[in-house]
């Protein structure tokens, strides 16, 4: 919503599971942005992503995925974008080899212990 507010001609499509999409729609409607944000409900590996889109945001999802599933997701997203369009990723990342451990390393351990999720370095998560 913030990006759509900032850029008058921008619209957005959000892909999410049905329960999250229902809550998201309520928030978007209360904010008066329903004409600019739409939802596609379903599994991000199966729904039609449409396109070609001018960009994609992948926020707080890849720490739930294995590196192979992350690459699969990024490949699907890239195929739904116009050539040269950006994919922007916001997530918690682990350190690269040789770097000092940071909060991403601690959270990776927490995720692994509580849900079998993990954090990965940016290079390990990158699409091939």
Foldseek 3Di string as FASTA:
>chain_A
DVVCVVPVVAAEEAEEAPVVQVVVCVVCVVVVNVVRYYYDHDDLLDDDPADQDQEEEAEADQLQDALVVLLSSVVNNVVRHDPPRYYHYHHQAFDDPPDDTDVQQVVQVVCCVPPNGGHYHPVSNDHD
